Amino acid sequence: MANAVELMQSIENLKEDVPQMAPGDNVKVHVRIVEGDRERLQVFQGVVIRKRGSGVNQSFTVRRIAAHGVGVERTFLLHSPRVEKVEVVSHARVRRSRIYFLRDRRGKAARLKERRS
């Protein structure tokens, strides 16, 4: 019985306004951050290097280059209440679904070709 209640609650959390995104796309993820009793939105912009799961359990990993050339990766649950919205900035043409090879590349070598629509 508890599983049925959890399932119904998870179905209620499904977002309808999810954009079409694929690995290689440059996205802005607006995340709700709670600091004490205050709440604010923080934008995490980077390249989607992986998508996995389906339905409520769908998640994606975004990689960006932070200060001093340090790579930062964050995994987000797509239908989480913490994720306010996801904006697709640009699309890139990639030939595989997991683009982990970007971890080893620096500078111009880490660029992806833009996908024409």
PDB file of N, CA and C in Angstrom:
ATOM      1  N   MET A   1       0.822  -1.196   0.000  1.00  0.00           N
ATOM      2  CA  MET A   1       0.000   0.000   0.000  1.00  0.00           C
ATOM      3  C   MET A   1       0.865   1.258   0.000  1.00  0.00           C
ATOM      4  N   ALA A   2       1.972   1.203   0.731  1.00  0.00           N
ATOM      5  CA  ALA A   2       2.850   2.372   0.785  1.00  0.00           C
ATOM      6  C   ALA A   2       3.449   2.653  -0.591  1.00  0.00           C
ATOM      7  N   ASN A   3       3.734   1.602  -1.357  1.00  0.00           N
ATOM      8  CA  ASN A   3       4.293   1.802  -2.687  1.00  0.00           C
ATOM      9  C   ASN A   3       3.311   2.499  -3.612  1.00  0.00           C
ATOM     10  N   ALA A   4       2.035   2.192  -3.469  1.00  0.00           N
ATOM     11  CA  ALA A   4       1.023   2.836  -4.310  1.00  0.00           C
ATOM     12  C   ALA A   4       0.933   4.328  -4.001  1.00  0.00           C
ATOM     13  N   VAL A   5       1.033   4.680  -2.719  1.00  0.00           N
ATOM     14  CA  VAL A   5       0.991   6.092  -2.325  1.00  0.00           C
ATOM     15  C   VAL A   5       2.215   6.820  -2.868  1.00  0.00           C
ATOM     16  N   GLU A   6       3.394   6.185  -2.750  1.00  0.00           N
ATOM     17  CA  GLU A   6       4.616   6.793  -3.279  1.00  0.00           C
ATOM     18  C   GLU A   6       4.532   6.961  -4.791  1.00  0.00           C
ATOM     19  N   LEU A   7       3.947   5.975  -5.469  1.00  0.00           N
ATOM     20  CA  LEU A   7       3.806   6.056  -6.912  1.00  0.00           C
ATOM     21  C   LEU A   7       2.904   7.214  -7.304  1.00  0.00           C
ATOM     22  N   MET A   8       1.801   7.384  -6.603  1.00  0.00           N
ATOM     23  CA  MET A   8       0.884   8.479  -6.914  1.00  0.00           C
ATOM     24  C   MET A   8       1.543   9.834  -6.669  1.00  0.00           C
ATOM     25  N   GLN A   9       2.325   9.952  -5.591  1.00  0.00           N
ATOM     26  CA  GLN A   9       3.017  11.203  -5.309  1.00  0.00           C
ATOM     27  C   GLN A   9       4.073  11.486  -6.366  1.00  0.00           C
ATOM     28  N   SER A  10       4.760  10.441  -6.835  1.00  0.00           N
ATOM     29  CA  SER A  10       5.791  10.651  -7.841  1.00  0.00           C
ATOM     30  C   SER A  10       5.171  11.038  -9.182  1.00  0.00           C
ATOM     31  N   ILE A  11       4.004  10.498  -9.499  1.00  0.00           N
ATOM     32  CA  ILE A  11       3.326  10.868 -10.736  1.00  0.00           C
ATOM     33  C   ILE A  11       2.891  12.329 -10.680  1.00  0.00           C
ATOM     34  N   GLU A  12       2.503  12.800  -9.507  1.00  0.00           N
ATOM     35  CA  GLU A  12       2.121  14.207  -9.355  1.00  0.00           C
ATOM     36  C   GLU A  12       3.314  15.127  -9.587  1.00  0.00           C
ATOM     37  N   ASN A  13       4.532  14.653  -9.299  1.00  0.00           N
ATOM     38  CA  ASN A  13       5.727  15.479  -9.453  1.00  0.00           C
ATOM     39  C   ASN A  13       6.229  15.552 -10.886  1.00  0.00           C
ATOM     40  N   LEU A  14       5.661  14.787 -11.795  1.00  0.00           N
ATOM     41  CA  LEU A  14       6.101  14.826 -13.188  1.00  0.00           C
ATOM     42  C   LEU A  14       5.892  16.214 -13.766  1.00  0.00           C
ATOM     43  N   LYS A  15       6.921  16.718 -14.430  1.00  0.00           N
ATOM     44  CA  LYS A  15       6.824  18.039 -15.047  1.00  0.00           C
ATOM     45  C   LYS A  15       6.338  17.897 -16.487  1.00  0.00           C
ATOM     46  N   GLU A  16       5.495  18.822 -16.909  1.00  0.00           N
ATOM     47  CA  GLU A  16       4.989  18.780 -18.275  1.00  0.00           C
ATOM     48  C   GLU A  16       5.845  19.612 -19.225  1.00  0.00           C
ATOM     49  N   ASP A  17       6.506  20.647 -18.703  1.00  0.00           N
ATOM     50  CA  ASP A  17       7.233  21.593 -19.557  1.00  0.00           C
ATOM     51  C   ASP A  17       8.724  21.252 -19.667  1.00  0.00           C
ATOM     52  N   VAL A  18       9.039  19.967 -19.863  1.00  0.00           N
ATOM     53  CA  VAL A  18      10.421  19.536 -19.978  1.00  0.00           C
ATOM     54  C   VAL A  18      10.876  19.715 -21.423  1.00  0.00           C
ATOM     55  N   PRO A  19      11.973  20.448 -21.659  1.00  0.00           N
ATOM     56  CA  PRO A  19      12.426  20.661 -23.039  1.00  0.00           C
ATOM     57  C   PRO A  19      13.083  19.413 -23.613  1.00  0.00           C
ATOM     58  N   GLN A  20      13.112  19.329 -24.944  1.00  0.00           N
ATOM     59  CA  GLN A  20      13.816  18.252 -25.616  1.00  0.00           C
ATOM     60  C   GLN A  20      15.309  18.545 -25.523  1.00  0.00           C
ATOM     61  N   MET A  21      16.028  17.700 -24.815  1.00  0.00           N
ATOM     62  CA  MET A  21      17.476  17.879 -24.734  1.00  0.00           C
ATOM     63  C   MET A  21      18.145  16.536 -24.949  1.00  0.00           C
ATOM     64  N   ALA A  22      19.366  16.606 -25.445  1.00  0.00           N
ATOM     65  CA  ALA A  22      20.128  15.405 -25.754  1.00  0.00           C
ATOM     66  C   ALA A  22      21.570  15.627 -25.306  1.00  0.00           C
ATOM     67  N   PRO A  23      22.349  14.567 -25.192  1.00  0.00           N
ATOM     68  CA  PRO A  23      23.763  14.747 -24.870  1.00  0.00           C
ATOM     69  C   PRO A  23      24.438  15.665 -25.886  1.00  0.00           C
ATOM     70  N   GLY A  24      25.270  16.558 -25.397  1.00  0.00           N
ATOM     71  CA  GLY A  24      25.936  17.536 -26.252  1.00  0.00           C
ATOM     72  C   GLY A  24      25.275  18.895 -26.211  1.00  0.00           C
ATOM     73  N   ASP A  25      24.045  18.969 -25.723  1.00  0.00           N
ATOM     74  CA  ASP A  25      23.346  20.250 -25.659  1.00  0.00           C
ATOM     75  C   ASP A  25      23.885  21.099 -24.527  1.00  0.00           C
ATOM     76  N   ASN A  26      23.933  22.403 -24.759  1.00  0.00           N
ATOM     77  CA  ASN A  26      24.335  23.354 -23.733  1.00  0.00           C
ATOM     78  C   ASN A  26      23.062  23.798 -23.023  1.00  0.00           C
ATOM     79  N   VAL A  27      22.992  23.622 -21.697  1.00  0.00           N
ATOM     80  CA  VAL A  27      21.763  23.915 -20.964  1.00  0.00           C
ATOM     81  C   VAL A  27      22.035  24.806 -19.764  1.00  0.00           C
ATOM     82  N   LYS A  28      20.982  25.516 -19.345  1.00  0.00           N
ATOM     83  CA  LYS A  28      20.987  26.252 -18.090  1.00  0.00           C
ATOM     84  C   LYS A  28      19.981  25.567 -17.182  1.00  0.00           C
ATOM     85  N   VAL A  29      20.454  25.114 -16.022  1.00  0.00           N
ATOM     86  CA  VAL A  29      19.587  24.456 -15.055  1.00  0.00           C
ATOM     87  C   VAL A  29      19.388  25.411 -13.888  1.00  0.00           C
ATOM     88  N   HIS A  30      18.140  25.802 -13.640  1.00  0.00           N
ATOM     89  CA  HIS A  30      17.814  26.687 -12.525  1.00  0.00           C
ATOM     90  C   HIS A  30      17.477  25.811 -11.331  1.00  0.00           C
ATOM     91  N   VAL A  31      18.334  25.862 -10.304  1.00  0.00           N
ATOM     92  CA  VAL A  31      18.210  24.992  -9.137  1.00  0.00           C
ATOM     93  C   VAL A  31      17.819  25.823  -7.926  1.00  0.00           C
ATOM     94  N   ARG A  32      16.871  25.327  -7.152  1.00  0.00           N
ATOM     95  CA  ARG A  32      16.441  26.007  -5.939  1.00  0.00           C
ATOM     96  C   ARG A  32      17.387  25.618  -4.808  1.00  0.00           C
ATOM     97  N   ILE A  33      18.067  26.604  -4.229  1.00  0.00           N
ATOM     98  CA  ILE A  33      19.028  26.397  -3.143  1.00  0.00           C
ATOM     99  C   ILE A  33      18.410  26.910  -1.852  1.00  0.00           C
ATOM    100  N   VAL A  34      18.461  26.106  -0.789  1.00  0.00           N
ATOM    101  CA  VAL A  34      17.926  26.506   0.511  1.00  0.00           C
ATOM    102  C   VAL A  34      19.098  26.791   1.442  1.00  0.00           C
ATOM    103  N   GLU A  35      19.166  28.027   1.948  1.00  0.00           N
ATOM    104  CA  GLU A  35      20.213  28.426   2.895  1.00  0.00           C
ATOM    105  C   GLU A  35      19.527  28.914   4.151  1.00  0.00           C
ATOM    106  N   GLY A  36      19.501  28.066   5.161  1.00  0.00           N
ATOM    107  CA  GLY A  36      18.803  28.434   6.394  1.00  0.00           C
ATOM    108  C   GLY A  36      17.318  28.543   6.133  1.00  0.00           C
ATOM    109  N   ASP A  37      16.759  29.715   6.376  1.00  0.00           N
ATOM    110  CA  ASP A  37      15.326  29.918   6.147  1.00  0.00           C
ATOM    111  C   ASP A  37      15.068  30.646   4.821  1.00  0.00           C
ATOM    112  N   ARG A  38      16.138  30.897   4.038  1.00  0.00           N
ATOM    113  CA  ARG A  38      15.976  31.612   2.766  1.00  0.00           C
ATOM    114  C   ARG A  38      16.133  30.649   1.600  1.00  0.00           C
ATOM    115  N   GLU A  39      15.489  31.005   0.488  1.00  0.00           N
ATOM    116  CA  GLU A  39      15.568  30.218  -0.729  1.00  0.00           C
ATOM    117  C   GLU A  39      15.981  31.111  -1.881  1.00  0.00           C
ATOM    118  N   ARG A  40      16.821  30.583  -2.771  1.00  0.00           N
ATOM    119  CA  ARG A  40      17.219  31.361  -3.941  1.00  0.00           C
ATOM    120  C   ARG A  40      17.411  30.413  -5.110  1.00  0.00           C
ATOM    121  N   LEU A  41      17.444  30.983  -6.309  1.00  0.00           N
ATOM    122  CA  LEU A  41      17.696  30.198  -7.511  1.00  0.00           C
ATOM    123  C   LEU A  41      19.148  30.358  -7.930  1.00  0.00           C
ATOM    124  N   GLN A  42      19.774  29.249  -8.282  1.00  0.00           N
ATOM    125  CA  GLN A  42      21.146  29.281  -8.769  1.00  0.00           C
ATOM    126  C   GLN A  42      21.155  28.631 -10.154  1.00  0.00           C
ATOM    127  N   VAL A  43      21.836  29.244 -11.107  1.00  0.00           N
ATOM    128  CA  VAL A  43      21.884  28.733 -12.473  1.00  0.00           C
ATOM    129  C   VAL A  43      23.186  27.961 -12.661  1.00  0.00           C
ATOM    130  N   PHE A  44      23.063  26.742 -13.166  1.00  0.00           N
ATOM    131  CA  PHE A  44      24.219  25.904 -13.470  1.00  0.00           C
ATOM    132  C   PHE A  44      24.197  25.674 -14.969  1.00  0.00           C
ATOM    133  N   GLN A  45      25.159  26.253 -15.694  1.00  0.00           N
ATOM    134  CA  GLN A  45      25.176  26.157 -17.153  1.00  0.00           C
ATOM    135  C   GLN A  45      26.332  25.296 -17.606  1.00  0.00           C
ATOM    136  N   GLY A  46      26.047  24.359 -18.499  1.00  0.00           N
ATOM    137  CA  GLY A  46      27.087  23.493 -19.014  1.00  0.00           C
ATOM    138  C   GLY A  46      26.560  22.572 -20.095  1.00  0.00           C
ATOM    139  N   VAL A  47      27.352  21.547 -20.409  1.00  0.00           N
ATOM    140  CA  VAL A  47      27.035  20.609 -21.473  1.00  0.00           C
ATOM    141  C   VAL A  47      26.459  19.335 -20.860  1.00  0.00           C
ATOM    142  N   VAL A  48      25.377  18.844 -21.441  1.00  0.00           N
ATOM    143  CA  VAL A  48      24.795  17.577 -20.998  1.00  0.00           C
ATOM    144  C   VAL A  48      25.706  16.464 -21.495  1.00  0.00           C
ATOM    145  N   ILE A  49      26.290  15.689 -20.564  1.00  0.00           N
ATOM    146  CA  ILE A  49      27.178  14.616 -20.992  1.00  0.00           C
ATOM    147  C   ILE A  49      26.501  13.256 -20.874  1.00  0.00           C
ATOM    148  N   ARG A  50      25.335  13.199 -20.206  1.00  0.00           N
ATOM    149  CA  ARG A  50      24.642  11.921 -20.102  1.00  0.00           C
ATOM    150  C   ARG A  50      23.200  12.126 -19.721  1.00  0.00           C
ATOM    151  N   LYS A  51      22.333  11.278 -20.246  1.00  0.00           N
ATOM    152  CA  LYS A  51      20.938  11.194 -19.831  1.00  0.00           C
ATOM    153  C   LYS A  51      20.671   9.747 -19.501  1.00  0.00           C
ATOM    154  N   ARG A  52      19.898   9.504 -18.453  1.00  0.00           N
ATOM    155  CA  ARG A  52      19.587   8.114 -18.110  1.00  0.00           C
ATOM    156  C   ARG A  52      18.245   8.021 -17.431  1.00  0.00           C
ATOM    157  N   GLY A  53      17.693   6.826 -17.427  1.00  0.00           N
ATOM    158  CA  GLY A  53      16.422   6.569 -16.770  1.00  0.00           C
ATOM    159  C   GLY A  53      15.241   6.973 -17.627  1.00  0.00           C
ATOM    160  N   SER A  54      14.064   6.747 -17.068  1.00  0.00           N
ATOM    161  CA  SER A  54      12.835   7.126 -17.757  1.00  0.00           C
ATOM    162  C   SER A  54      11.771   7.408 -16.718  1.00  0.00           C
ATOM    163  N   GLY A  55      10.769   8.149 -17.121  1.00  0.00           N
ATOM    164  CA  GLY A  55       9.679   8.471 -16.206  1.00  0.00           C
ATOM    165  C   GLY A  55      10.143   9.363 -15.078  1.00  0.00           C
ATOM    166  N   VAL A  56       9.754   9.011 -13.868  1.00  0.00           N
ATOM    167  CA  VAL A  56      10.078   9.818 -12.693  1.00  0.00           C
ATOM    168  C   VAL A  56      11.570   9.769 -12.383  1.00  0.00           C
ATOM    169  N   ASN A  57      12.208   8.659 -12.711  1.00  0.00           N
ATOM    170  CA  ASN A  57      13.623   8.464 -12.369  1.00  0.00           C
ATOM    171  C   ASN A  57      14.586   9.031 -13.388  1.00  0.00           C
ATOM    172  N   GLN A  58      14.118   9.822 -14.328  1.00  0.00           N
ATOM    173  CA  GLN A  58      14.989  10.356 -15.375  1.00  0.00           C
ATOM    174  C   GLN A  58      15.963  11.368 -14.778  1.00  0.00           C
ATOM    175  N   SER A  59      17.236  11.227 -15.140  1.00  0.00           N
ATOM    176  CA  SER A  59      18.255  12.154 -14.646  1.00  0.00           C
ATOM    177  C   SER A  59      19.214  12.498 -15.776  1.00  0.00           C
ATOM    178  N   PHE A  60      19.950  13.570 -15.574  1.00  0.00           N
ATOM    179  CA  PHE A  60      20.938  13.997 -16.559  1.00  0.00           C
ATOM    180  C   PHE A  60      22.113  14.615 -15.830  1.00  0.00           C
ATOM    181  N   THR A  61      23.286  14.525 -16.444  1.00  0.00           N
ATOM    182  CA  THR A  61      24.511  15.058 -15.861  1.00  0.00           C
ATOM    183  C   THR A  61      25.008  16.203 -16.720  1.00  0.00           C
ATOM    184  N   VAL A  62      25.344  17.311 -16.059  1.00  0.00           N
ATOM    185  CA  VAL A  62      25.812  18.513 -16.751  1.00  0.00           C
ATOM    186  C   VAL A  62      27.244  18.792 -16.302  1.00  0.00           C
ATOM    187  N   ARG A  63      28.111  19.103 -17.266  1.00  0.00           N
ATOM    188  CA  ARG A  63      29.513  19.404 -16.978  1.00  0.00           C
ATOM    189  C   ARG A  63      29.818  20.827 -17.408  1.00  0.00           C
ATOM    190  N   ARG A  64      30.506  21.552 -16.546  1.00  0.00           N
ATOM    191  CA  ARG A  64      30.955  22.893 -16.900  1.00  0.00           C
ATOM    192  C   ARG A  64      32.369  23.083 -16.383  1.00  0.00           C
ATOM    193  N   ILE A  65      33.031  24.097 -16.924  1.00  0.00           N
ATOM    194  CA  ILE A  65      34.386  24.420 -16.483  1.00  0.00           C
ATOM    195  C   ILE A  65      34.284  25.601 -15.532  1.00  0.00           C
ATOM    196  N   ALA A  66      34.669  25.384 -14.281  1.00  0.00           N
ATOM    197  CA  ALA A  66      34.585  26.417 -13.246  1.00  0.00           C
ATOM    198  C   ALA A  66      35.884  27.220 -13.210  1.00  0.00           C
ATOM    199  N   ALA A  67      36.092  27.943 -12.133  1.00  0.00           N
ATOM    200  CA  ALA A  67      37.268  28.802 -11.989  1.00  0.00           C
ATOM    201  C   ALA A  67      38.557  27.981 -12.048  1.00  0.00           C
ATOM    202  N   HIS A  68      39.589  28.565 -12.613  1.00  0.00           N
ATOM    203  CA  HIS A  68      40.922  27.972 -12.721  1.00  0.00           C
ATOM    204  C   HIS A  68      40.920  26.692 -13.552  1.00  0.00           C
ATOM    205  N   GLY A  69      39.969  26.551 -14.471  1.00  0.00           N
ATOM    206  CA  GLY A  69      39.947  25.409 -15.381  1.00  0.00           C
ATOM    207  C   GLY A  69      39.548  24.087 -14.752  1.00  0.00           C
ATOM    208  N   VAL A  70      38.869  24.131 -13.612  1.00  0.00           N
ATOM    209  CA  VAL A  70      38.456  22.907 -12.932  1.00  0.00           C
ATOM    210  C   VAL A  70      37.096  22.481 -13.482  1.00  0.00           C
ATOM    211  N   GLY A  71      36.981  21.227 -13.907  1.00  0.00           N
ATOM    212  CA  GLY A  71      35.715  20.707 -14.411  1.00  0.00           C
ATOM    213  C   GLY A  71      34.800  20.323 -13.267  1.00  0.00           C
ATOM    214  N   VAL A  72      33.531  20.723 -13.360  1.00  0.00           N
ATOM    215  CA  VAL A  72      32.544  20.409 -12.330  1.00  0.00           C
ATOM    216  C   VAL A  72      31.378  19.705 -13.005  1.00  0.00           C
ATOM    217  N   GLU A  73      30.976  18.554 -12.456  1.00  0.00           N
ATOM    218  CA  GLU A  73      29.830  17.826 -12.976  1.00  0.00           C
ATOM    219  C   GLU A  73      28.775  17.697 -11.898  1.00  0.00           C
ATOM    220  N   ARG A  74      27.528  17.911 -12.290  1.00  0.00           N
ATOM    221  CA  ARG A  74      26.411  17.739 -11.362  1.00  0.00           C
ATOM    222  C   ARG A  74      25.342  16.898 -12.044  1.00  0.00           C
ATOM    223  N   THR A  75      24.773  15.979 -11.282  1.00  0.00           N
ATOM    224  CA  THR A  75      23.689  15.151 -11.773  1.00  0.00           C
ATOM    225  C   THR A  75      22.388  15.657 -11.167  1.00  0.00           C
ATOM    226  N   PHE A  76      21.392  15.861 -12.013  1.00  0.00           N
ATOM    227  CA  PHE A  76      20.100  16.381 -11.580  1.00  0.00           C
ATOM    228  C   PHE A  76      19.013  15.376 -11.887  1.00  0.00           C
ATOM    229  N   LEU A  77      18.061  15.234 -10.973  1.00  0.00           N
ATOM    230  CA  LEU A  77      16.842  14.495 -11.268  1.00  0.00           C
ATOM    231  C   LEU A  77      15.923  15.443 -12.027  1.00  0.00           C
ATOM    232  N   LEU A  78      15.494  15.043 -13.190  1.00  0.00           N
ATOM    233  CA  LEU A  78      14.733  15.929 -14.062  1.00  0.00           C
ATOM    234  C   LEU A  78      13.426  16.381 -13.426  1.00  0.00           C
ATOM    235  N   HIS A  79      12.750  15.486 -12.715  1.00  0.00           N
ATOM    236  CA  HIS A  79      11.439  15.807 -12.151  1.00  0.00           C
ATOM    237  C   HIS A  79      11.508  16.179 -10.672  1.00  0.00           C
ATOM    238  N   SER A  80      12.693  16.559 -10.206  1.00  0.00           N
ATOM    239  CA  SER A  80      12.857  16.951  -8.812  1.00  0.00           C
ATOM    240  C   SER A  80      12.219  18.313  -8.557  1.00  0.00           C
ATOM    241  N   PRO A  81      11.617  18.512  -7.387  1.00  0.00           N
ATOM    242  CA  PRO A  81      11.091  19.837  -7.068  1.00  0.00           C
ATOM    243  C   PRO A  81      12.196  20.883  -6.896  1.00  0.00           C
ATOM    244  N   ARG A  82      13.436  20.463  -6.687  1.00  0.00           N
ATOM    245  CA  ARG A  82      14.560  21.396  -6.569  1.00  0.00           C
ATOM    246  C   ARG A  82      14.935  22.011  -7.914  1.00  0.00           C
ATOM    247  N   VAL A  83      14.682  21.293  -9.001  1.00  0.00           N
ATOM    248  CA  VAL A  83      14.985  21.806 -10.337  1.00  0.00           C
ATOM    249  C   VAL A  83      13.800  22.654 -10.782  1.00  0.00           C
ATOM    250  N   GLU A  84      14.025  23.954 -10.829  1.00  0.00           N
ATOM    251  CA  GLU A  84      12.955  24.888 -11.189  1.00  0.00           C
ATOM    252  C   GLU A  84      12.628  24.792 -12.674  1.00  0.00           C
ATOM    253  N   LYS A  85      13.658  24.951 -13.529  1.00  0.00           N
ATOM    254  CA  LYS A  85      13.450  24.808 -14.961  1.00  0.00           C
ATOM    255  C   LYS A  85      14.775  24.522 -15.644  1.00  0.00           C
ATOM    256  N   VAL A  86      14.674  24.009 -16.864  1.00  0.00           N
ATOM    257  CA  VAL A  86      15.842  23.695 -17.676  1.00  0.00           C
ATOM    258  C   VAL A  86      15.669  24.409 -19.008  1.00  0.00           C
ATOM    259  N   GLU A  87      16.665  25.229 -19.371  1.00  0.00           N
ATOM    260  CA  GLU A  87      16.641  25.944 -20.650  1.00  0.00           C
ATOM    261  C   GLU A  87      17.729  25.373 -21.542  1.00  0.00           C
ATOM    262  N   VAL A  88      17.371  25.060 -22.780  1.00  0.00           N
ATOM    263  CA  VAL A  88      18.369  24.594 -23.748  1.00  0.00           C
ATOM    264  C   VAL A  88      18.909  25.819 -24.472  1.00  0.00           C
ATOM    265  N   VAL A  89      20.219  26.052 -24.347  1.00  0.00           N
ATOM    266  CA  VAL A  89      20.863  27.217 -24.955  1.00  0.00           C
ATOM    267  C   VAL A  89      21.243  26.913 -26.397  1.00  0.00           C
ATOM    268  N   SER A  90      21.889  25.775 -26.637  1.00  0.00           N
ATOM    269  CA  SER A  90      22.288  25.395 -27.990  1.00  0.00           C
ATOM    270  C   SER A  90      22.360  23.886 -28.097  1.00  0.00           C
ATOM    271  N   HIS A  91      22.317  23.394 -29.324  1.00  0.00           N
ATOM    272  CA  HIS A  91      22.403  21.968 -29.598  1.00  0.00           C
ATOM    273  C   HIS A  91      23.738  21.677 -30.260  1.00  0.00           C
ATOM    274  N   ALA A  92      24.298  20.509 -29.970  1.00  0.00           N
ATOM    275  CA  ALA A  92      25.548  20.101 -30.607  1.00  0.00           C
ATOM    276  C   ALA A  92      25.365  18.725 -31.233  1.00  0.00           C
ATOM    277  N   ARG A  93      26.163  18.465 -32.245  1.00  0.00           N
ATOM    278  CA  ARG A  93      26.085  17.182 -32.939  1.00  0.00           C
ATOM    279  C   ARG A  93      27.105  16.238 -32.312  1.00  0.00           C
ATOM    280  N   VAL A  94      26.639  15.182 -31.693  1.00  0.00           N
ATOM    281  CA  VAL A  94      27.517  14.166 -31.114  1.00  0.00           C
ATOM    282  C   VAL A  94      27.072  12.811 -31.646  1.00  0.00           C
ATOM    283  N   ARG A  95      27.992  11.854 -31.618  1.00  0.00           N
ATOM    284  CA  ARG A  95      27.714  10.556 -32.223  1.00  0.00           C
ATOM    285  C   ARG A  95      27.540   9.450 -31.197  1.00  0.00           C
ATOM    286  N   ARG A  96      27.505   9.806 -29.935  1.00  0.00           N
ATOM    287  CA  ARG A  96      27.297   8.785 -28.901  1.00  0.00           C
ATOM    288  C   ARG A  96      26.449   9.364 -27.779  1.00  0.00           C
ATOM    289  N   SER A  97      25.933   8.501 -26.936  1.00  0.00           N
ATOM    290  CA  SER A  97      24.991   8.951 -25.915  1.00  0.00           C
ATOM    291  C   SER A  97      25.677   9.382 -24.626  1.00  0.00           C
ATOM    292  N   ARG A  98      26.881   8.882 -24.360  1.00  0.00           N
ATOM    293  CA  ARG A  98      27.632   9.283 -23.170  1.00  0.00           C
ATOM    294  C   ARG A  98      28.922   9.922 -23.657  1.00  0.00           C
ATOM    295  N   ILE A  99      29.057  11.216 -23.462  1.00  0.00           N
ATOM    296  CA  ILE A  99      30.232  11.910 -24.014  1.00  0.00           C
ATOM    297  C   ILE A  99      31.251  12.203 -22.916  1.00  0.00           C
ATOM    298  N   TYR A 100      31.686  11.108 -22.268  1.00  0.00           N
ATOM    299  CA  TYR A 100      32.679  11.212 -21.200  1.00  0.00           C
ATOM    300  C   TYR A 100      34.046  11.631 -21.728  1.00  0.00           C
ATOM    301  N   PHE A 101      34.271  11.527 -23.035  1.00  0.00           N
ATOM    302  CA  PHE A 101      35.571  11.905 -23.589  1.00  0.00           C
ATOM    303  C   PHE A 101      35.865  13.384 -23.389  1.00  0.00           C
ATOM    304  N   LEU A 102      34.847  14.194 -23.098  1.00  0.00           N
ATOM    305  CA  LEU A 102      35.081  15.621 -22.845  1.00  0.00           C
ATOM    306  C   LEU A 102      35.905  15.839 -21.582  1.00  0.00           C
ATOM    307  N   ARG A 103      35.908  14.866 -20.679  1.00  0.00           N
ATOM    308  CA  ARG A 103      36.678  15.003 -19.437  1.00  0.00           C
ATOM    309  C   ARG A 103      38.175  15.101 -19.707  1.00  0.00           C
ATOM    310  N   ASP A 104      38.624  14.456 -20.759  1.00  0.00           N
ATOM    311  CA  ASP A 104      40.056  14.426 -21.064  1.00  0.00           C
ATOM    312  C   ASP A 104      40.494  15.563 -21.970  1.00  0.00           C
ATOM    313  N   ARG A 105      39.560  16.325 -22.488  1.00  0.00           N
ATOM    314  CA  ARG A 105      39.894  17.375 -23.454  1.00  0.00           C
ATOM    315  C   ARG A 105      39.950  18.743 -22.804  1.00  0.00           C
ATOM    316  N   ARG A 106      40.825  19.594 -23.325  1.00  0.00           N
ATOM    317  CA  ARG A 106      41.004  20.948 -22.810  1.00  0.00           C
ATOM    318  C   ARG A 106      40.890  21.941 -23.948  1.00  0.00           C
ATOM    319  N   GLY A 107      40.425  23.144 -23.649  1.00  0.00           N
ATOM    320  CA  GLY A 107      40.435  24.235 -24.615  1.00  0.00           C
ATOM    321  C   GLY A 107      39.631  23.967 -25.868  1.00  0.00           C
ATOM    322  N   LYS A 108      40.245  24.243 -27.029  1.00  0.00           N
ATOM    323  CA  LYS A 108      39.541  24.101 -28.302  1.00  0.00           C
ATOM    324  C   LYS A 108      39.187  22.653 -28.600  1.00  0.00           C
ATOM    325  N   ALA A 109      39.954  21.716 -28.074  1.00  0.00           N
ATOM    326  CA  ALA A 109      39.685  20.301 -28.331  1.00  0.00           C
ATOM    327  C   ALA A 109      38.370  19.853 -27.700  1.00  0.00           C
ATOM    328  N   ALA A 110      37.888  20.597 -26.714  1.00  0.00           N
ATOM    329  CA  ALA A 110      36.654  20.225 -26.016  1.00  0.00           C
ATOM    330  C   ALA A 110      35.411  20.801 -26.680  1.00  0.00           C
ATOM    331  N   ARG A 111      35.578  21.495 -27.806  1.00  0.00           N
ATOM    332  CA  ARG A 111      34.419  22.069 -28.484  1.00  0.00           C
ATOM    333  C   ARG A 111      33.637  20.998 -29.231  1.00  0.00           C
ATOM    334  N   LEU A 112      32.336  21.215 -29.342  1.00  0.00           N
ATOM    335  CA  LEU A 112      31.467  20.319 -30.092  1.00  0.00           C
ATOM    336  C   LEU A 112      30.883  21.080 -31.274  1.00  0.00           C
ATOM    337  N   LYS A 113      30.631  20.379 -32.380  1.00  0.00           N
ATOM    338  CA  LYS A 113      30.061  21.016 -33.553  1.00  0.00           C
ATOM    339  C   LYS A 113      28.593  21.320 -33.314  1.00  0.00           C
ATOM    340  N   GLU A 114      28.166  22.492 -33.761  1.00  0.00           N
ATOM    341  CA  GLU A 114      26.770  22.902 -33.581  1.00  0.00           C
ATOM    342  C   GLU A 114      25.870  22.122 -34.533  1.00  0.00           C
ATOM    343  N   ARG A 115      24.703  21.715 -34.012  1.00  0.00           N
ATOM    344  CA  ARG A 115      23.734  20.980 -34.817  1.00  0.00           C
ATOM    345  C   ARG A 115      22.804  21.966 -35.495  1.00  0.00           C
ATOM    346  N   ARG A 116      22.673  21.862 -36.792  1.00  0.00           N
ATOM    347  CA  ARG A 116      21.773  22.744 -37.539  1.00  0.00           C
ATOM    348  C   ARG A 116      20.369  22.177 -37.469  1.00  0.00           C
ATOM    349  N   SER A 117      19.394  23.073 -37.267  1.00  0.00           N
ATOM    350  CA  SER A 117      18.015  22.592 -37.174  1.00  0.00           C
ATOM    351  C   SER A 117      17.185  23.026 -38.355  1.00  0.00           C
TER     352      SER A 117
END
